Every structure is written in C-alpha cells, then in structure tokens.
Amino acid sequence: MHEITLTEEQARIVSFALGPVPVRDPKGDLIGHIEPKLTPEVIAELKGRSRSPGPFFTGEQVQARLRALEEEWNRTGGFDEAYMDEFLARLDAADPGHVKSAEQAE
C-alpha cells in the first residue's frame, strides 16, 4: 500500500478544516479529498476561536451593512479603507445592538 506523509503545515490545515480538504496534483487536477479527524483537542481549539472578542452581528445586520456600503460606494464613486472604517463606525454607532461577545450570543 502506498502512503503519503503530510508536512506539519499540511497536517495543520487538514486538522483545523471544517470539512473535506481537496487534494490536487501539481497540475491542479483534483485527486480526492481528505476528511479531517475531529479530536477533542481540535474541537476545543475551534471552540476557542469562536469565542474571539466581538463584535458579532446577526445575518440581517451583516446584509444591512453590505447594502449600506454598496450604496455609499455608488454615491461617492468609491472610497479607501480609512473611509470605509469611518463609515462602518458610524453604522455601528447607529445600530449598537450587536452582541459584544460569543458568550452573550449563547
């Protein structure tokens, strides 16, 4: 039986994947998929990542922000990252109801 040993980086990518990881040959053709093995350690790490410091938004809030950004882009003819950050801060001030942490979301 043939065997391939992954590098540390490749093994880490597979370990923390939330689903099957496509495997491709050097030409980019799909060979198959690797299913990650969810060990207790990996599950704990993923749960820890999900509790990253907020803010957390509902799907409706995300969609509203994306629409507002698109409307502002069209209105102004485009903007840079600094303007976008300022614009999003104004949206956050106008809609402060977002959840501050993952614990509050539960």
PDB file of N, CA and C in Angstrom:
ATOM      1  N   MET A   1       0.848  -1.183   0.000  1.00  0.00           N
ATOM      2  CA  MET A   1       0.000   0.000   0.000  1.00  0.00           C
ATOM      3  C   MET A   1       0.890   1.242   0.000  1.00  0.00           C
ATOM      4  N   HIS A   2       0.521   2.208  -0.794  1.00  0.00           N
ATOM      5  CA  HIS A   2       1.281   3.453  -0.877  1.00  0.00           C
ATOM      6  C   HIS A   2       0.823   4.406   0.212  1.00  0.00           C
ATOM      7  N   GLU A   3       1.725   5.299   0.581  1.00  0.00           N
ATOM      8  CA  GLU A   3       1.433   6.225   1.678  1.00  0.00           C
ATOM      9  C   GLU A   3       2.093   7.562   1.399  1.00  0.00           C
ATOM     10  N   ILE A   4       1.432   8.642   1.807  1.00  0.00           N
ATOM     11  CA  ILE A   4       1.989   9.988   1.695  1.00  0.00           C
ATOM     12  C   ILE A   4       1.949  10.606   3.083  1.00  0.00           C
ATOM     13  N   THR A   5       3.059  11.183   3.511  1.00  0.00           N
ATOM     14  CA  THR A   5       3.126  11.851   4.800  1.00  0.00           C
ATOM     15  C   THR A   5       3.043  13.353   4.572  1.00  0.00           C
ATOM     16  N   LEU A   6       2.090  13.985   5.236  1.00  0.00           N
ATOM     17  CA  LEU A   6       1.898  15.428   5.095  1.00  0.00           C
ATOM     18  C   LEU A   6       2.964  16.196   5.856  1.00  0.00           C
ATOM     19  N   THR A   7       3.252  17.394   5.399  1.00  0.00           N
ATOM     20  CA  THR A   7       4.129  18.284   6.151  1.00  0.00           C
ATOM     21  C   THR A   7       3.369  18.778   7.377  1.00  0.00           C
ATOM     22  N   GLU A   8       4.067  19.404   8.303  1.00  0.00           N
ATOM     23  CA  GLU A   8       3.411  19.968   9.501  1.00  0.00           C
ATOM     24  C   GLU A   8       2.308  20.941   9.102  1.00  0.00           C
ATOM     25  N   GLU A   9       2.606  21.823   8.145  1.00  0.00           N
ATOM     26  CA  GLU A   9       1.617  22.816   7.710  1.00  0.00           C
ATOM     27  C   GLU A   9       0.410  22.146   7.061  1.00  0.00           C
ATOM     28  N   GLN A  10       0.646  21.171   6.214  1.00  0.00           N
ATOM     29  CA  GLN A  10      -0.464  20.470   5.564  1.00  0.00           C
ATOM     30  C   GLN A  10      -1.330  19.744   6.589  1.00  0.00           C
ATOM     31  N   ALA A  11      -0.702  19.092   7.551  1.00  0.00           N
ATOM     32  CA  ALA A  11      -1.447  18.384   8.597  1.00  0.00           C
ATOM     33  C   ALA A  11      -2.277  19.359   9.419  1.00  0.00           C
ATOM     34  N   ARG A  12      -1.734  20.540   9.704  1.00  0.00           N
ATOM     35  CA  ARG A  12      -2.462  21.563  10.475  1.00  0.00           C
ATOM     36  C   ARG A  12      -3.679  22.048   9.678  1.00  0.00           C
ATOM     37  N   ILE A  13      -3.507  22.255   8.390  1.00  0.00           N
ATOM     38  CA  ILE A  13      -4.623  22.700   7.547  1.00  0.00           C
ATOM     39  C   ILE A  13      -5.744  21.668   7.573  1.00  0.00           C
ATOM     40  N   VAL A  14      -5.393  20.399   7.418  1.00  0.00           N
ATOM     41  CA  VAL A  14      -6.409  19.344   7.434  1.00  0.00           C
ATOM     42  C   VAL A  14      -7.050  19.232   8.810  1.00  0.00           C
ATOM     43  N   SER A  15      -6.236  19.299   9.867  1.00  0.00           N
ATOM     44  CA  SER A  15      -6.752  19.141  11.233  1.00  0.00           C
ATOM     45  C   SER A  15      -7.793  20.185  11.590  1.00  0.00           C
ATOM     46  N   PHE A  16      -7.599  21.423  11.134  1.00  0.00           N
ATOM     47  CA  PHE A  16      -8.494  22.507  11.529  1.00  0.00           C
ATOM     48  C   PHE A  16      -9.519  22.859  10.452  1.00  0.00           C
ATOM     49  N   ALA A  17      -9.617  22.019   9.434  1.00  0.00           N
ATOM     50  CA  ALA A  17     -10.619  22.245   8.388  1.00  0.00           C
ATOM     51  C   ALA A  17     -11.995  21.912   8.949  1.00  0.00           C
ATOM     52  N   LEU A  18     -12.994  22.623   8.489  1.00  0.00           N
ATOM     53  CA  LEU A  18     -14.360  22.375   8.936  1.00  0.00           C
ATOM     54  C   LEU A  18     -15.095  21.425   8.003  1.00  0.00           C
ATOM     55  N   GLY A  19     -14.391  20.880   7.037  1.00  0.00           N
ATOM     56  CA  GLY A  19     -14.983  19.947   6.097  1.00  0.00           C
ATOM     57  C   GLY A  19     -13.895  19.286   5.288  1.00  0.00           C
ATOM     58  N   PRO A  20     -14.271  18.555   4.265  1.00  0.00           N
ATOM     59  CA  PRO A  20     -13.277  17.875   3.436  1.00  0.00           C
ATOM     60  C   PRO A  20     -12.298  18.863   2.798  1.00  0.00           C
ATOM     61  N   VAL A  21     -11.037  18.461   2.707  1.00  0.00           N
ATOM     62  CA  VAL A  21      -9.999  19.294   2.097  1.00  0.00           C
ATOM     63  C   VAL A  21      -9.655  18.699   0.729  1.00  0.00           C
ATOM     64  N   PRO A  22      -9.852  19.473  -0.353  1.00  0.00           N
ATOM     65  CA  PRO A  22      -9.498  18.958  -1.678  1.00  0.00           C
ATOM     66  C   PRO A  22      -7.992  18.733  -1.794  1.00  0.00           C
ATOM     67  N   VAL A  23      -7.600  17.657  -2.451  1.00  0.00           N
ATOM     68  CA  VAL A  23      -6.190  17.344  -2.712  1.00  0.00           C
ATOM     69  C   VAL A  23      -6.003  17.382  -4.228  1.00  0.00           C
ATOM     70  N   ARG A  24      -4.996  18.146  -4.679  1.00  0.00           N
ATOM     71  CA  ARG A  24      -4.768  18.327  -6.116  1.00  0.00           C
ATOM     72  C   ARG A  24      -3.359  17.904  -6.488  1.00  0.00           C
ATOM     73  N   ASP A  25      -3.202  17.490  -7.736  1.00  0.00           N
ATOM     74  CA  ASP A  25      -1.878  17.131  -8.237  1.00  0.00           C
ATOM     75  C   ASP A  25      -1.153  18.414  -8.657  1.00  0.00           C
ATOM     76  N   PRO A  26       0.115  18.315  -9.065  1.00  0.00           N
ATOM     77  CA  PRO A  26       0.878  19.520  -9.426  1.00  0.00           C
ATOM     78  C   PRO A  26       0.250  20.354 -10.542  1.00  0.00           C
ATOM     79  N   LYS A  27      -0.601  19.734 -11.380  1.00  0.00           N
ATOM     80  CA  LYS A  27      -1.265  20.479 -12.453  1.00  0.00           C
ATOM     81  C   LYS A  27      -2.543  21.158 -11.964  1.00  0.00           C
ATOM     82  N   GLY A  28      -2.944  20.854 -10.727  1.00  0.00           N
ATOM     83  CA  GLY A  28      -4.158  21.446 -10.191  1.00  0.00           C
ATOM     84  C   GLY A  28      -5.386  20.576 -10.351  1.00  0.00           C
ATOM     85  N   ASP A  29      -5.207  19.384 -10.906  1.00  0.00           N
ATOM     86  CA  ASP A  29      -6.339  18.473 -11.075  1.00  0.00           C
ATOM     87  C   ASP A  29      -6.690  17.829  -9.739  1.00  0.00           C
ATOM     88  N   LEU A  30      -7.977  17.714  -9.471  1.00  0.00           N
ATOM     89  CA  LEU A  30      -8.451  17.132  -8.223  1.00  0.00           C
ATOM     90  C   LEU A  30      -8.166  15.644  -8.184  1.00  0.00           C
ATOM     91  N   ILE A  31      -7.511  15.203  -7.112  1.00  0.00           N
ATOM     92  CA  ILE A  31      -7.211  13.782  -6.913  1.00  0.00           C
ATOM     93  C   ILE A  31      -8.252  13.166  -5.981  1.00  0.00           C
ATOM     94  N   GLY A  32      -8.611  13.911  -4.949  1.00  0.00           N
ATOM     95  CA  GLY A  32      -9.555  13.403  -3.962  1.00  0.00           C
ATOM     96  C   GLY A  32      -9.711  14.393  -2.836  1.00  0.00           C
ATOM     97  N   HIS A  33     -10.237  13.920  -1.725  1.00  0.00           N
ATOM     98  CA  HIS A  33     -10.456  14.766  -0.547  1.00  0.00           C
ATOM     99  C   HIS A  33      -9.934  14.054   0.691  1.00  0.00           C
ATOM    100  N   ILE A  34      -9.500  14.847   1.662  1.00  0.00           N
ATOM    101  CA  ILE A  34      -9.114  14.322   2.971  1.00  0.00           C
ATOM    102  C   ILE A  34     -10.150  14.816   3.965  1.00  0.00           C
ATOM    103  N   GLU A  35     -10.708  13.902   4.728  1.00  0.00           N
ATOM    104  CA  GLU A  35     -11.661  14.260   5.784  1.00  0.00           C
ATOM    105  C   GLU A  35     -10.878  14.530   7.071  1.00  0.00           C
ATOM    106  N   PRO A  36     -11.084  15.681   7.699  1.00  0.00           N
ATOM    107  CA  PRO A  36     -10.377  15.955   8.948  1.00  0.00           C
ATOM    108  C   PRO A  36     -10.899  15.058  10.069  1.00  0.00           C
ATOM    109  N   LYS A  37     -10.015  14.690  10.974  1.00  0.00           N
ATOM    110  CA  LYS A  37     -10.401  13.908  12.148  1.00  0.00           C
ATOM    111  C   LYS A  37     -10.570  14.889  13.296  1.00  0.00           C
ATOM    112  N   LEU A  38     -11.784  15.037  13.779  1.00  0.00           N
ATOM    113  CA  LEU A  38     -12.062  15.996  14.841  1.00  0.00           C
ATOM    114  C   LEU A  38     -11.774  15.360  16.201  1.00  0.00           C
ATOM    115  N   THR A  39     -10.580  15.615  16.686  1.00  0.00           N
ATOM    116  CA  THR A  39     -10.186  15.125  18.012  1.00  0.00           C
ATOM    117  C   THR A  39     -10.702  16.096  19.064  1.00  0.00           C
ATOM    118  N   PRO A  40     -10.744  15.682  20.322  1.00  0.00           N
ATOM    119  CA  PRO A  40     -11.158  16.614  21.389  1.00  0.00           C
ATOM    120  C   PRO A  40     -10.298  17.889  21.419  1.00  0.00           C
ATOM    121  N   GLU A  41      -9.011  17.748  21.114  1.00  0.00           N
ATOM    122  CA  GLU A  41      -8.123  18.918  21.118  1.00  0.00           C
ATOM    123  C   GLU A  41      -8.496  19.888  20.006  1.00  0.00           C
ATOM    124  N   VAL A  42      -8.795  19.367  18.827  1.00  0.00           N
ATOM    125  CA  VAL A  42      -9.180  20.219  17.695  1.00  0.00           C
ATOM    126  C   VAL A  42     -10.520  20.892  17.989  1.00  0.00           C
ATOM    127  N   ILE A  43     -11.452  20.152  18.542  1.00  0.00           N
ATOM    128  CA  ILE A  43     -12.757  20.724  18.891  1.00  0.00           C
ATOM    129  C   ILE A  43     -12.588  21.853  19.898  1.00  0.00           C
ATOM    130  N   ALA A  44     -11.743  21.649  20.909  1.00  0.00           N
ATOM    131  CA  ALA A  44     -11.501  22.699  21.911  1.00  0.00           C
ATOM    132  C   ALA A  44     -10.886  23.936  21.265  1.00  0.00           C
ATOM    133  N   GLU A  45      -9.946  23.736  20.338  1.00  0.00           N
ATOM    134  CA  GLU A  45      -9.316  24.863  19.640  1.00  0.00           C
ATOM    135  C   GLU A  45     -10.340  25.623  18.815  1.00  0.00           C
ATOM    136  N   LEU A  46     -11.191  24.902  18.096  1.00  0.00           N
ATOM    137  CA  LEU A  46     -12.206  25.558  17.275  1.00  0.00           C
ATOM    138  C   LEU A  46     -13.203  26.319  18.140  1.00  0.00           C
ATOM    139  N   LYS A  47     -13.590  25.753  19.278  1.00  0.00           N
ATOM    140  CA  LYS A  47     -14.492  26.463  20.184  1.00  0.00           C
ATOM    141  C   LYS A  47     -13.830  27.722  20.719  1.00  0.00           C
ATOM    142  N   GLY A  48     -12.533  27.630  21.021  1.00  0.00           N
ATOM    143  CA  GLY A  48     -11.801  28.806  21.498  1.00  0.00           C
ATOM    144  C   GLY A  48     -11.763  29.908  20.462  1.00  0.00           C
ATOM    145  N   ARG A  49     -11.576  29.525  19.206  1.00  0.00           N
ATOM    146  CA  ARG A  49     -11.568  30.513  18.129  1.00  0.00           C
ATOM    147  C   ARG A  49     -12.928  31.181  17.977  1.00  0.00           C
ATOM    148  N   SER A  50     -13.993  30.435  18.222  1.00  0.00           N
ATOM    149  CA  SER A  50     -15.329  31.002  18.058  1.00  0.00           C
ATOM    150  C   SER A  50     -15.651  32.013  19.145  1.00  0.00           C
ATOM    151  N   ARG A  51     -14.862  32.030  20.195  1.00  0.00           N
ATOM    152  CA  ARG A  51     -15.101  32.968  21.291  1.00  0.00           C
ATOM    153  C   ARG A  51     -14.172  34.178  21.211  1.00  0.00           C
ATOM    154  N   SER A  52     -13.721  34.460  20.008  1.00  0.00           N
ATOM    155  CA  SER A  52     -12.845  35.611  19.833  1.00  0.00           C
ATOM    156  C   SER A  52     -13.593  36.880  20.202  1.00  0.00           C
ATOM    157  N   PRO A  53     -12.873  37.918  20.611  1.00  0.00           N
ATOM    158  CA  PRO A  53     -13.544  39.150  21.012  1.00  0.00           C
ATOM    159  C   PRO A  53     -14.403  39.713  19.884  1.00  0.00           C
ATOM    160  N   GLY A  54     -15.602  40.191  20.248  1.00  0.00           N
ATOM    161  CA  GLY A  54     -16.650  40.664  19.344  1.00  0.00           C
ATOM    162  C   GLY A  54     -16.162  41.679  18.363  1.00  0.00           C
ATOM    163  N   PRO A  55     -16.951  42.455  17.731  1.00  0.00           N
ATOM    164  CA  PRO A  55     -18.406  42.363  17.806  1.00  0.00           C
ATOM    165  C   PRO A  55     -18.946  41.235  16.930  1.00  0.00           C
ATOM    166  N   PHE A  56     -20.125  40.773  17.275  1.00  0.00           N
ATOM    167  CA  PHE A  56     -20.812  39.757  16.494  1.00  0.00           C
ATOM    168  C   PHE A  56     -22.091  40.367  15.962  1.00  0.00           C
ATOM    169  N   PHE A  57     -22.441  40.048  14.735  1.00  0.00           N
ATOM    170  CA  PHE A  57     -23.612  40.621  14.092  1.00  0.00           C
ATOM    171  C   PHE A  57     -24.545  39.519  13.620  1.00  0.00           C
ATOM    172  N   THR A  58     -25.820  39.819  13.594  1.00  0.00           N
ATOM    173  CA  THR A  58     -26.787  38.894  13.028  1.00  0.00           C
ATOM    174  C   THR A  58     -26.641  38.908  11.516  1.00  0.00           C
ATOM    175  N   GLY A  59     -27.218  37.927  10.851  1.00  0.00           N
ATOM    176  CA  GLY A  59     -27.193  37.900   9.384  1.00  0.00           C
ATOM    177  C   GLY A  59     -27.853  39.127   8.794  1.00  0.00           C
ATOM    178  N   GLU A  60     -28.956  39.562   9.408  1.00  0.00           N
ATOM    179  CA  GLU A  60     -29.643  40.765   8.920  1.00  0.00           C
ATOM    180  C   GLU A  60     -28.746  41.993   9.039  1.00  0.00           C
ATOM    181  N   GLN A  61     -28.019  42.111  10.156  1.00  0.00           N
ATOM    182  CA  GLN A  61     -27.132  43.258  10.342  1.00  0.00           C
ATOM    183  C   GLN A  61     -26.005  43.247   9.312  1.00  0.00           C
ATOM    184  N   VAL A  62     -25.449  42.074   9.025  1.00  0.00           N
ATOM    185  CA  VAL A  62     -24.381  41.977   8.029  1.00  0.00           C
ATOM    186  C   VAL A  62     -24.906  42.399   6.661  1.00  0.00           C
ATOM    187  N   GLN A  63     -26.089  41.885   6.286  1.00  0.00           N
ATOM    188  CA  GLN A  63     -26.674  42.241   4.996  1.00  0.00           C
ATOM    189  C   GLN A  63     -26.954  43.737   4.910  1.00  0.00           C
ATOM    190  N   ALA A  64     -27.459  44.325   5.998  1.00  0.00           N
ATOM    191  CA  ALA A  64     -27.739  45.768   6.011  1.00  0.00           C
ATOM    192  C   ALA A  64     -26.452  46.570   5.837  1.00  0.00           C
ATOM    193  N   ARG A  65     -25.370  46.137   6.487  1.00  0.00           N
ATOM    194  CA  ARG A  65     -24.097  46.846   6.363  1.00  0.00           C
ATOM    195  C   ARG A  65     -23.550  46.726   4.937  1.00  0.00           C
ATOM    196  N   LEU A  66     -23.667  45.541   4.352  1.00  0.00           N
ATOM    197  CA  LEU A  66     -23.188  45.373   2.972  1.00  0.00           C
ATOM    198  C   LEU A  66     -23.984  46.248   2.009  1.00  0.00           C
ATOM    199  N   ARG A  67     -25.308  46.311   2.208  1.00  0.00           N
ATOM    200  CA  ARG A  67     -26.127  47.188   1.343  1.00  0.00           C
ATOM    201  C   ARG A  67     -25.726  48.649   1.532  1.00  0.00           C
ATOM    202  N   ALA A  68     -25.521  49.052   2.789  1.00  0.00           N
ATOM    203  CA  ALA A  68     -25.141  50.440   3.064  1.00  0.00           C
ATOM    204  C   ALA A  68     -23.784  50.767   2.441  1.00  0.00           C
ATOM    205  N   LEU A  69     -22.834  49.822   2.535  1.00  0.00           N
ATOM    206  CA  LEU A  69     -21.526  50.047   1.918  1.00  0.00           C
ATOM    207  C   LEU A  69     -21.647  50.182   0.403  1.00  0.00           C
ATOM    208  N   GLU A  70     -22.457  49.322  -0.205  1.00  0.00           N
ATOM    209  CA  GLU A  70     -22.637  49.399  -1.656  1.00  0.00           C
ATOM    210  C   GLU A  70     -23.286  50.721  -2.056  1.00  0.00           C
ATOM    211  N   GLU A  71     -24.296  51.144  -1.311  1.00  0.00           N
ATOM    212  CA  GLU A  71     -24.964  52.419  -1.617  1.00  0.00           C
ATOM    213  C   GLU A  71     -23.992  53.587  -1.467  1.00  0.00           C
ATOM    214  N   GLU A  72     -23.162  53.546  -0.419  1.00  0.00           N
ATOM    215  CA  GLU A  72     -22.190  54.624  -0.207  1.00  0.00           C
ATOM    216  C   GLU A  72     -21.135  54.621  -1.303  1.00  0.00           C
ATOM    217  N   TRP A  73     -20.710  53.438  -1.718  1.00  0.00           N
ATOM    218  CA  TRP A  73     -19.736  53.313  -2.804  1.00  0.00           C
ATOM    219  C   TRP A  73     -20.297  53.938  -4.076  1.00  0.00           C
ATOM    220  N   ASN A  74     -21.539  53.581  -4.389  1.00  0.00           N
ATOM    221  CA  ASN A  74     -22.173  54.127  -5.590  1.00  0.00           C
ATOM    222  C   ASN A  74     -22.386  55.635  -5.473  1.00  0.00           C
ATOM    223  N   ARG A  75     -22.734  56.109  -4.290  1.00  0.00           N
ATOM    224  CA  ARG A  75     -22.976  57.540  -4.076  1.00  0.00           C
ATOM    225  C   ARG A  75     -21.697  58.352  -4.220  1.00  0.00           C
ATOM    226  N   THR A  76     -20.590  57.825  -3.663  1.00  0.00           N
ATOM    227  CA  THR A  76     -19.338  58.588  -3.649  1.00  0.00           C
ATOM    228  C   THR A  76     -18.421  58.277  -4.830  1.00  0.00           C
ATOM    229  N   GLY A  77     -18.703  57.199  -5.545  1.00  0.00           N
ATOM    230  CA  GLY A  77     -17.820  56.811  -6.635  1.00  0.00           C
ATOM    231  C   GLY A  77     -16.627  56.012  -6.167  1.00  0.00           C
ATOM    232  N   GLY A  78     -16.700  55.476  -4.953  1.00  0.00           N
ATOM    233  CA  GLY A  78     -15.618  54.664  -4.394  1.00  0.00           C
ATOM    234  C   GLY A  78     -14.961  55.351  -3.212  1.00  0.00           C
ATOM    235  N   PHE A  79     -14.240  54.572  -2.407  1.00  0.00           N
ATOM    236  CA  PHE A  79     -13.558  55.131  -1.239  1.00  0.00           C
ATOM    237  C   PHE A  79     -12.434  54.204  -0.804  1.00  0.00           C
ATOM    238  N   ASP A  80     -11.565  54.733   0.065  1.00  0.00           N
ATOM    239  CA  ASP A  80     -10.434  53.940   0.549  1.00  0.00           C
ATOM    240  C   ASP A  80     -10.806  53.235   1.859  1.00  0.00           C
ATOM    241  N   GLU A  81      -9.875  52.457   2.380  1.00  0.00           N
ATOM    242  CA  GLU A  81     -10.131  51.670   3.582  1.00  0.00           C
ATOM    243  C   GLU A  81     -10.402  52.554   4.799  1.00  0.00           C
ATOM    244  N   ALA A  82      -9.702  53.678   4.907  1.00  0.00           N
ATOM    245  CA  ALA A  82      -9.911  54.582   6.045  1.00  0.00           C
ATOM    246  C   ALA A  82     -11.344  55.116   6.037  1.00  0.00           C
ATOM    247  N   TYR A  83     -11.840  55.501   4.870  1.00  0.00           N
ATOM    248  CA  TYR A  83     -13.217  55.994   4.768  1.00  0.00           C
ATOM    249  C   TYR A  83     -14.191  54.879   5.122  1.00  0.00           C
ATOM    250  N   MET A  84     -13.914  53.670   4.639  1.00  0.00           N
ATOM    251  CA  MET A  84     -14.785  52.535   4.938  1.00  0.00           C
ATOM    252  C   MET A  84     -14.843  52.276   6.444  1.00  0.00           C
ATOM    253  N   ASP A  85     -13.678  52.312   7.110  1.00  0.00           N
ATOM    254  CA  ASP A  85     -13.645  52.102   8.557  1.00  0.00           C
ATOM    255  C   ASP A  85     -14.473  53.157   9.284  1.00  0.00           C
ATOM    256  N   GLU A  86     -14.335  54.409   8.863  1.00  0.00           N
ATOM    257  CA  GLU A  86     -15.104  55.506   9.467  1.00  0.00           C
ATOM    258  C   GLU A  86     -16.602  55.319   9.207  1.00  0.00           C
ATOM    259  N   PHE A  87     -16.953  54.926   8.002  1.00  0.00           N
ATOM    260  CA  PHE A  87     -18.350  54.711   7.643  1.00  0.00           C
ATOM    261  C   PHE A  87     -18.940  53.570   8.470  1.00  0.00           C
ATOM    262  N   LEU A  88     -18.188  52.463   8.606  1.00  0.00           N
ATOM    263  CA  LEU A  88     -18.669  51.334   9.410  1.00  0.00           C
ATOM    264  C   LEU A  88     -18.797  51.712  10.882  1.00  0.00           C
ATOM    265  N   ALA A  89     -17.899  52.556  11.379  1.00  0.00           N
ATOM    266  CA  ALA A  89     -18.003  53.017  12.769  1.00  0.00           C
ATOM    267  C   ALA A  89     -19.290  53.813  12.960  1.00  0.00           C
ATOM    268  N   ARG A  90     -19.663  54.616  11.967  1.00  0.00           N
ATOM    269  CA  ARG A  90     -20.929  55.364  12.054  1.00  0.00           C
ATOM    270  C   ARG A  90     -22.122  54.410  12.036  1.00  0.00           C
ATOM    271  N   LEU A  91     -22.043  53.359  11.208  1.00  0.00           N
ATOM    272  CA  LEU A  91     -23.116  52.361  11.191  1.00  0.00           C
ATOM    273  C   LEU A  91     -23.228  51.664  12.543  1.00  0.00           C
ATOM    274  N   ASP A  92     -22.077  51.331  13.146  1.00  0.00           N
ATOM    275  CA  ASP A  92     -22.087  50.678  14.455  1.00  0.00           C
ATOM    276  C   ASP A  92     -22.697  51.586  15.521  1.00  0.00           C
ATOM    277  N   ALA A  93     -22.385  52.873  15.457  1.00  0.00           N
ATOM    278  CA  ALA A  93     -22.944  53.822  16.430  1.00  0.00           C
ATOM    279  C   ALA A  93     -24.450  53.946  16.258  1.00  0.00           C
ATOM    280  N   ALA A  94     -24.921  53.858  15.011  1.00  0.00           N
ATOM    281  CA  ALA A  94     -26.360  53.970  14.741  1.00  0.00           C
ATOM    282  C   ALA A  94     -27.100  52.677  15.078  1.00  0.00           C
ATOM    283  N   ASP A  95     -26.392  51.546  15.092  1.00  0.00           N
ATOM    284  CA  ASP A  95     -27.006  50.244  15.362  1.00  0.00           C
ATOM    285  C   ASP A  95     -26.173  49.522  16.416  1.00  0.00           C
ATOM    286  N   PRO A  96     -26.234  50.001  17.667  1.00  0.00           N
ATOM    287  CA  PRO A  96     -25.367  49.449  18.712  1.00  0.00           C
ATOM    288  C   PRO A  96     -25.859  48.127  19.281  1.00  0.00           C
ATOM    289  N   GLY A  97     -26.899  47.545  18.719  1.00  0.00           N
ATOM    290  CA  GLY A  97     -27.481  46.340  19.289  1.00  0.00           C
ATOM    291  C   GLY A  97     -26.733  45.062  19.007  1.00  0.00           C
ATOM    292  N   HIS A  98     -25.558  45.132  18.371  1.00  0.00           N
ATOM    293  CA  HIS A  98     -24.850  43.892  18.086  1.00  0.00           C
ATOM    294  C   HIS A  98     -24.340  43.261  19.377  1.00  0.00           C
ATOM    295  N   VAL A  99     -24.168  41.946  19.350  1.00  0.00           N
ATOM    296  CA  VAL A  99     -23.727  41.196  20.509  1.00  0.00           C
ATOM    297  C   VAL A  99     -22.244  41.479  20.725  1.00  0.00           C
ATOM    298  N   LYS A 100     -21.864  41.732  21.964  1.00  0.00           N
ATOM    299  CA  LYS A 100     -20.485  42.096  22.275  1.00  0.00           C
ATOM    300  C   LYS A 100     -19.543  40.907  22.329  1.00  0.00           C
ATOM    301  N   SER A 101     -20.031  39.713  22.649  1.00  0.00           N
ATOM    302  CA  SER A 101     -19.143  38.560  22.763  1.00  0.00           C
ATOM    303  C   SER A 101     -19.912  37.292  22.425  1.00  0.00           C
ATOM    304  N   ALA A 102     -19.160  36.218  22.199  1.00  0.00           N
ATOM    305  CA  ALA A 102     -19.803  34.945  21.886  1.00  0.00           C
ATOM    306  C   ALA A 102     -20.608  34.435  23.079  1.00  0.00           C
ATOM    307  N   GLU A 103     -20.140  34.688  24.290  1.00  0.00           N
ATOM    308  CA  GLU A 103     -20.864  34.248  25.474  1.00  0.00           C
ATOM    309  C   GLU A 103     -22.249  34.889  25.540  1.00  0.00           C
ATOM    310  N   GLN A 104     -22.338  36.168  25.170  1.00  0.00           N
ATOM    311  CA  GLN A 104     -23.626  36.861  25.188  1.00  0.00           C
ATOM    312  C   GLN A 104     -24.522  36.359  24.080  1.00  0.00           C
ATOM    313  N   ALA A 105     -23.935  35.788  23.033  1.00  0.00           N
ATOM    314  CA  ALA A 105     -24.733  35.310  21.901  1.00  0.00           C
ATOM    315  C   ALA A 105     -25.423  33.983  22.226  1.00  0.00           C
ATOM    316  N   GLU A 106     -24.897  33.242  23.204  1.00  0.00           N
ATOM    317  CA  GLU A 106     -25.444  31.930  23.535  1.00  0.00           C
ATOM    318  C   GLU A 106     -26.733  32.036  24.326  1.00  0.00           C
TER     319      GLU A 106
END
